[in-house]
Amino acid sequence: MHYLSLGATGLKVSRICLGCMSYGDPTKGSHSWALSEAESRPFFRQALEAGINFFDTANVYSDGASEEVTGRALKEYARRDEIVIATKVHGAMRANDPNGKGLSRKAVLTEIDHSLTRLGMDYVDLYQIHRWDCETPIEETLEALHDVVKAGKARYIGASSMWAWQFMKALALQKANGWSRFVSMQNHLNLIYREEEREMLPLCRDQGIGVIPWSPLARGRLTRAPDEKTRRTESDRFDKYLYRKSEGSDRAIIDAVGEVAAARALPRAQIALAWLLQKPGVTAPIIGATKPAQLSDAVAALEVQLTPEEIAQLEASYTPHPVVGFI
């Protein structure tokens, strides 16, 4: 396993982050394809044995069950001080409660306590805002996050998908007020969605922000032929929102992944992840695994070094996409 500092911090994280949205309770929340706790356990063990020390979840995954499953598994298999736990806040957690969502001071301070209870931990290493809250002044959110850090409930704070100008505004306000600074950006980036290369990635490199992309394999689309379907693609509503409109133009990119993979005699997933791992500024793609081979491929991708010619082949067919993932 390879390790890097997360942004400009001294925190070392594995170059593969295990995304825990896939683990929780399929009867809760909107992820009917999620694995149960018993089914999830082997993936935490496999990840730790491979040297992965970075785990990402969120309060909304399986309505909190993902945090519970993640916390119990890691408590059994690892020492707390040897792992890096990230979770997120923003989504609706309680029906009919107008304060049970968003990034108000009330929501942030309430939800960190709920997340820690579900995880069974005294603190998280990285507490992230899951999206931008247009109904709450960003100053209110940033000061609340600073207080979470000063209370010892989070070691660092991070952000997720938003416009680059919003992220820079937040960073400037943090500096001006002496508040804890965002150290990471969890954004939407893969071979068939590269809009983040225009503004967000250069901003993160300039500001020393770690980049931990979500959906690095485009909900699995980069791992198989374009017409091959899975249970998840048929039931995942977010997949339809992200990629259905660009299926036609994306086909050529997916075919190119297949061509490079065939020439290398490697799985498509390793090629798509190797491309992302070689992208300047990217720290650790967040991998969702529901089969052992998916996690093995992610780790193996660390040893795949693409040539400039292969990268050009993979990127040649890209066309501008509508911005999706946070608006």
Protein backbone atom coordinates (compact mmCIF):
# COMPACT_ATOMS: atom_id res chain seq x y z
CA MET A 1 0.00 0.00 0.00
CA HIS A 2 1.11 3.55 -0.72
CA TYR A 3 0.39 6.47 1.64
CA LEU A 4 0.24 10.24 1.13
CA SER A 5 -0.35 13.25 3.33
CA LEU A 6 -3.93 14.48 3.06
CA GLY A 7 -3.45 17.88 1.47
CA ALA A 8 -1.11 20.16 3.39
CA THR A 9 -1.60 18.25 6.66
CA GLY A 10 0.65 15.69 8.31
CA LEU A 11 -2.14 13.09 8.26
CA LYS A 12 -1.07 10.03 6.25
CA VAL A 13 -3.82 8.17 4.39
CA SER A 14 -3.75 5.14 2.13
CA ARG A 15 -4.02 5.94 -1.57
CA ILE A 16 -7.19 3.85 -1.65
CA CYS A 17 -10.08 4.88 0.59
CA LEU A 18 -12.80 2.32 1.29
CA GLY A 19 -16.19 3.92 0.76
CA CYS A 20 -18.72 2.51 3.22
CA MET A 21 -21.94 3.56 1.49
CA SER A 22 -22.13 -0.07 0.31
CA TYR A 23 -22.34 -1.35 3.88
CA GLY A 24 -25.29 -0.90 6.21
CA ASP A 25 -28.87 -2.06 5.90
CA PRO A 26 -30.54 -2.56 2.48
CA THR A 27 -33.97 -1.98 4.06
CA LYS A 28 -33.03 1.54 5.18
CA GLY A 29 -32.36 4.65 3.12
CA SER A 30 -32.18 4.67 -0.68
CA HIS A 31 -29.47 2.05 -1.29
CA SER A 32 -31.34 -1.22 -1.71
CA TRP A 33 -28.16 -2.81 -3.08
CA ALA A 34 -26.21 -2.17 0.14
CA LEU A 35 -24.77 -5.20 1.93
CA SER A 36 -25.96 -6.25 5.35
CA GLU A 37 -23.64 -6.12 8.36
CA ALA A 38 -22.74 -9.81 8.10
CA GLU A 39 -22.03 -9.46 4.39
CA SER A 40 -19.98 -6.31 4.97
CA ARG A 41 -17.57 -7.62 7.59
CA PRO A 42 -15.16 -9.43 5.20
CA PHE A 43 -14.56 -6.21 3.24
CA PHE A 44 -13.29 -4.33 6.28
CA ARG A 45 -10.94 -7.19 7.10
CA GLN A 46 -9.75 -7.41 3.48
CA ALA A 47 -9.14 -3.67 3.34
CA LEU A 48 -7.12 -3.63 6.54
CA GLU A 49 -5.07 -6.63 5.46
CA ALA A 50 -4.26 -4.79 2.22
CA GLY A 51 -2.96 -1.80 4.20
CA ILE A 52 -5.96 0.50 3.72
CA ASN A 53 -6.27 2.82 6.71
CA PHE A 54 -8.81 5.31 5.28
CA PHE A 55 -12.58 4.71 5.57
CA ASP A 56 -15.35 7.09 4.44
CA THR A 57 -19.02 7.01 5.37
CA ALA A 58 -21.85 9.53 5.97
CA ASN A 59 -24.72 9.99 8.37
CA VAL A 60 -27.31 9.52 5.61
CA TYR A 61 -26.01 6.19 4.28
CA SER A 62 -28.64 3.57 5.15
CA ASP A 63 -30.16 6.17 7.49
CA GLY A 64 -27.18 5.89 9.82
CA ALA A 65 -26.74 2.12 9.65
CA SER A 66 -23.56 2.50 7.60
CA GLU A 67 -21.89 4.37 10.45
CA GLU A 68 -23.02 1.69 12.90
CA VAL A 69 -21.70 -1.17 10.77
CA THR A 70 -18.45 0.67 10.03
CA GLY A 71 -17.83 1.49 13.67
CA ARG A 72 -18.48 -2.02 14.95
CA ALA A 73 -16.33 -3.70 12.30
CA LEU A 74 -13.36 -1.39 12.74
CA LYS A 75 -13.55 -1.61 16.52
CA GLU A 76 -13.21 -5.37 16.21
CA TYR A 77 -10.52 -5.49 13.52
CA ALA A 78 -8.31 -2.44 14.12
CA ARG A 79 -6.86 -0.12 16.74
CA ARG A 80 -8.57 3.27 16.68
CA ASP A 81 -5.32 5.23 16.48
CA GLU A 82 -4.19 3.28 13.40
CA ILE A 83 -7.17 4.14 11.17
CA VAL A 84 -8.57 7.30 9.61
CA ILE A 85 -12.36 7.62 9.81
CA ALA A 86 -14.28 10.14 7.74
CA THR A 87 -17.99 10.89 7.85
CA LYS A 88 -20.26 13.62 6.49
CA VAL A 89 -23.15 15.90 7.41
CA HIS A 90 -25.87 17.62 5.36
CA GLY A 91 -28.60 15.21 4.28
CA ALA A 92 -32.01 14.76 5.90
CA MET A 93 -31.83 12.46 8.93
CA ARG A 94 -35.27 12.84 10.51
CA ALA A 95 -38.60 13.11 8.74
CA ASN A 96 -40.75 16.11 9.66
CA ASP A 97 -37.87 17.82 11.47
CA PRO A 98 -36.87 21.01 9.66
CA ASN A 99 -33.62 21.10 11.66
CA GLY A 100 -32.75 17.48 10.94
CA LYS A 101 -30.81 18.36 7.81
CA GLY A 102 -28.55 21.03 6.36
CA LEU A 103 -25.55 22.84 7.79
CA SER A 104 -26.96 25.17 10.43
CA ARG A 105 -25.08 25.41 13.69
CA LYS A 106 -27.83 23.36 15.31
CA ALA A 107 -27.60 20.64 12.66
CA VAL A 108 -23.79 20.43 12.64
CA LEU A 109 -23.45 20.23 16.43
CA THR A 110 -26.33 17.77 16.74
CA GLU A 111 -25.28 15.49 13.90
CA ILE A 112 -21.64 15.14 14.94
CA ASP A 113 -22.84 13.76 18.28
CA HIS A 114 -25.25 11.36 16.58
CA SER A 115 -22.52 10.20 14.19
CA LEU A 116 -20.08 9.57 17.03
CA THR A 117 -22.71 7.58 18.90
CA ARG A 118 -23.42 5.40 15.87
CA LEU A 119 -19.71 4.91 15.17
CA GLY A 120 -19.00 4.17 18.81
CA MET A 121 -16.09 6.61 18.76
CA ASP A 122 -15.00 9.71 20.63
CA TYR A 123 -13.91 11.54 17.49
CA VAL A 124 -13.69 11.26 13.71
CA ASP A 125 -10.52 12.08 11.84
CA LEU A 126 -12.27 13.93 9.01
CA TYR A 127 -15.70 15.61 9.27
CA GLN A 128 -17.01 16.75 5.90
CA ILE A 129 -19.90 18.86 4.68
CA HIS A 130 -21.66 16.59 2.21
CA ARG A 131 -22.94 19.43 0.04
CA TRP A 132 -23.33 23.23 0.16
CA ASP A 133 -26.33 24.53 2.13
CA CYS A 134 -27.88 27.47 0.30
CA GLU A 135 -30.25 28.16 3.21
CA THR A 136 -27.54 28.70 5.85
CA PRO A 137 -24.90 31.47 5.86
CA ILE A 138 -21.58 29.79 5.18
CA GLU A 139 -20.04 31.74 8.10
CA GLU A 140 -22.43 29.97 10.49
CA THR A 141 -21.42 26.57 9.15
CA LEU A 142 -17.70 27.29 9.22
CA GLU A 143 -17.72 28.55 12.80
CA ALA A 144 -19.71 25.50 13.91
CA LEU A 145 -17.21 23.19 12.22
CA HIS A 146 -14.36 25.07 13.93
CA ASP A 147 -16.07 24.47 17.27
CA VAL A 148 -16.40 20.75 16.46
CA VAL A 149 -12.63 20.60 15.94
CA LYS A 150 -11.86 22.60 19.08
CA ALA A 151 -14.15 20.34 21.09
CA GLY A 152 -12.01 17.38 20.02
CA LYS A 153 -14.83 15.70 18.11
CA ALA A 154 -13.02 15.92 14.74
CA ARG A 155 -9.33 16.15 13.93
CA TYR A 156 -9.80 17.78 10.51
CA ILE A 157 -12.65 19.08 8.35
CA GLY A 158 -13.33 18.67 4.65
CA ALA A 159 -15.85 19.56 1.98
CA SER A 160 -17.60 17.79 -0.88
CA SER A 161 -19.04 18.69 -4.27
CA MET A 162 -19.64 22.41 -4.84
CA TRP A 163 -18.64 25.20 -7.22
CA ALA A 164 -14.99 26.21 -7.07
CA TRP A 165 -15.92 29.80 -6.19
CA GLN A 166 -17.91 28.54 -3.20
CA PHE A 167 -14.97 26.50 -1.97
CA MET A 168 -12.56 29.41 -2.34
CA LYS A 169 -15.00 31.69 -0.50
CA ALA A 170 -15.10 29.23 2.39
CA LEU A 171 -11.31 28.92 2.50
CA ALA A 172 -10.94 32.71 2.52
CA LEU A 173 -13.45 33.09 5.35
CA GLN A 174 -11.68 30.41 7.38
CA LYS A 175 -8.37 32.23 6.98
CA ALA A 176 -9.83 35.65 7.77
CA ASN A 177 -11.51 34.44 10.96
CA GLY A 178 -8.85 32.04 12.21
CA TRP A 179 -11.22 29.08 11.88
CA SER A 180 -10.16 25.49 11.20
CA ARG A 181 -9.45 25.08 7.50
CA PHE A 182 -10.86 22.57 5.05
CA VAL A 183 -8.09 20.09 4.23
CA SER A 184 -9.86 17.96 1.61
CA MET A 185 -12.32 18.04 -1.27
CA GLN A 186 -14.46 14.98 -2.01
CA ASN A 187 -15.66 15.57 -5.54
CA HIS A 188 -17.07 13.80 -8.58
CA LEU A 189 -14.23 12.74 -10.88
CA ASN A 190 -13.64 9.85 -13.27
CA LEU A 191 -12.83 9.17 -16.92
CA ILE A 192 -16.37 9.94 -18.11
CA TYR A 193 -16.89 12.97 -15.85
CA ARG A 194 -13.93 15.36 -15.88
CA GLU A 195 -15.55 18.76 -15.39
CA GLU A 196 -13.68 19.16 -12.08
CA GLU A 197 -10.44 19.52 -14.08
CA ARG A 198 -11.53 23.00 -15.22
CA GLU A 199 -11.62 24.85 -11.88
CA MET A 200 -11.72 22.65 -8.78
CA LEU A 201 -8.59 20.56 -9.30
CA PRO A 202 -6.34 23.57 -10.07
CA LEU A 203 -7.79 25.33 -7.01
CA CYS A 204 -7.05 22.34 -4.78
CA ARG A 205 -3.48 22.06 -6.05
CA ASP A 206 -2.92 25.78 -5.48
CA GLN A 207 -4.38 25.71 -1.96
CA GLY A 208 -2.84 22.45 -0.80
CA ILE A 209 -6.16 20.60 -0.57
CA GLY A 210 -6.31 16.80 -0.70
CA VAL A 211 -8.64 15.41 -3.39
CA ILE A 212 -10.57 12.22 -2.58
CA PRO A 213 -12.90 11.60 -5.56
CA TRP A 214 -16.21 9.82 -5.25
CA SER A 215 -17.57 7.55 -7.99
CA PRO A 216 -14.07 6.97 -9.46
CA LEU A 217 -15.44 4.12 -11.59
CA ALA A 218 -18.64 5.95 -12.57
CA ARG A 219 -20.94 3.66 -10.57
CA GLY A 220 -19.23 0.67 -12.21
CA ARG A 221 -19.72 1.85 -15.79
CA LEU A 222 -15.96 1.93 -16.36
CA THR A 223 -15.58 -1.69 -15.26
CA ARG A 224 -17.67 -3.41 -17.94
CA ALA A 225 -18.95 -3.17 -21.51
CA PRO A 226 -21.50 -0.37 -22.09
CA ASP A 227 -24.48 -2.70 -22.57
CA GLU A 228 -23.75 -4.92 -19.57
CA LYS A 229 -26.26 -4.37 -16.77
CA THR A 230 -26.11 -5.11 -13.05
CA ARG A 231 -28.58 -5.09 -10.19
CA ARG A 232 -27.18 -1.77 -9.05
CA THR A 233 -27.46 -0.03 -12.42
CA GLU A 234 -31.10 -1.07 -12.62
CA SER A 235 -31.99 0.14 -9.10
CA ASP A 236 -29.60 3.06 -8.48
CA ARG A 237 -31.55 6.27 -9.08
CA PHE A 238 -28.47 8.44 -8.59
CA ASP A 239 -26.71 6.55 -11.38
CA LYS A 240 -29.47 7.56 -13.76
CA TYR A 241 -29.16 11.19 -12.69
CA LEU A 242 -25.38 11.23 -13.12
CA TYR A 243 -24.82 9.36 -16.36
CA ARG A 244 -27.92 8.53 -18.40
CA LYS A 245 -27.90 11.83 -20.34
CA SER A 246 -24.31 11.30 -21.53
CA GLU A 247 -24.45 7.56 -22.27
CA GLY A 248 -23.99 8.06 -26.01
CA SER A 249 -20.84 10.16 -25.79
CA ASP A 250 -19.44 8.12 -22.90
CA ARG A 251 -19.51 4.87 -24.86
CA ALA A 252 -16.33 5.69 -26.77
CA ILE A 253 -14.45 6.35 -23.53
CA ILE A 254 -15.66 3.09 -21.99
CA ASP A 255 -14.58 1.28 -25.16
CA ALA A 256 -11.13 2.87 -24.89
CA VAL A 257 -10.82 1.58 -21.32
CA GLY A 258 -11.64 -1.87 -22.64
CA GLU A 259 -9.02 -1.60 -25.38
CA VAL A 260 -6.24 -0.53 -23.02
CA ALA A 261 -7.28 -3.21 -20.52
CA ALA A 262 -7.24 -5.91 -23.20
CA ALA A 263 -3.81 -4.83 -24.43
CA ARG A 264 -2.50 -4.96 -20.86
CA ALA A 265 -4.41 -8.16 -19.98
CA LEU A 266 -5.79 -6.36 -16.94
CA PRO A 267 -9.31 -5.74 -15.62
CA ARG A 268 -10.93 -2.51 -16.80
CA ALA A 269 -11.21 -1.27 -13.22
CA GLN A 270 -7.44 -1.25 -12.80
CA ILE A 271 -7.00 0.88 -15.92
CA ALA A 272 -9.67 3.42 -14.95
CA LEU A 273 -8.30 3.73 -11.42
CA ALA A 274 -4.69 3.94 -12.61
CA TRP A 275 -5.69 6.94 -14.75
CA LEU A 276 -7.21 8.65 -11.73
CA LEU A 277 -4.30 7.82 -9.43
CA GLN A 278 -1.92 9.45 -11.91
CA LYS A 279 -4.00 12.64 -12.04
CA PRO A 280 -2.00 15.46 -10.38
CA GLY A 281 -3.41 16.37 -6.98
CA VAL A 282 -5.52 13.27 -6.44
CA THR A 283 -4.85 11.73 -3.03
CA ALA A 284 -7.16 8.73 -2.68
CA PRO A 285 -10.15 7.63 -4.78
CA ILE A 286 -13.06 6.37 -2.68
CA ILE A 287 -13.79 2.79 -3.71
CA GLY A 288 -17.12 1.08 -3.18
CA ALA A 289 -16.71 -2.70 -3.12
CA THR A 290 -19.42 -5.35 -2.90
CA LYS A 291 -17.25 -8.17 -4.29
CA PRO A 292 -13.75 -9.09 -3.04
CA ALA A 293 -12.27 -8.75 -6.54
CA GLN A 294 -13.36 -5.11 -6.70
CA LEU A 295 -11.25 -4.26 -3.68
CA SER A 296 -8.34 -6.36 -4.98
CA ASP A 297 -8.46 -4.52 -8.31
CA ALA A 298 -8.37 -1.16 -6.54
CA VAL A 299 -5.24 -2.08 -4.62
CA ALA A 300 -3.61 -3.61 -7.71
CA ALA A 301 -4.22 -0.37 -9.65
CA LEU A 302 -1.58 1.31 -7.50
CA GLU A 303 1.08 -0.64 -9.38
CA VAL A 304 -0.24 0.14 -12.88
CA GLN A 305 1.68 2.93 -14.57
CA LEU A 306 -0.03 4.14 -17.73
CA THR A 307 2.06 5.52 -20.57
CA PRO A 308 1.42 8.99 -22.02
CA GLU A 309 0.08 7.27 -25.14
CA GLU A 310 -2.39 5.19 -23.12
CA ILE A 311 -3.56 8.25 -21.20
CA ALA A 312 -4.09 10.11 -24.48
CA GLN A 313 -6.10 7.17 -25.80
CA LEU A 314 -8.31 7.13 -22.71
CA GLU A 315 -8.91 10.88 -22.80
CA ALA A 316 -9.29 11.42 -26.56
CA SER A 317 -13.07 11.01 -26.80
CA TYR A 318 -14.07 13.19 -23.86
CA THR A 319 -16.55 15.97 -24.56
CA PRO A 320 -17.88 18.61 -22.10
CA HIS A 321 -20.61 17.29 -19.81
CA PRO A 322 -23.43 19.04 -17.98
CA VAL A 323 -22.39 19.72 -14.39
CA VAL A 324 -23.96 17.04 -12.16
CA GLY A 325 -23.46 15.74 -8.66
CA PHE A 326 -24.23 18.77 -6.52
CA ILE A 327 -26.88 20.93 -8.18
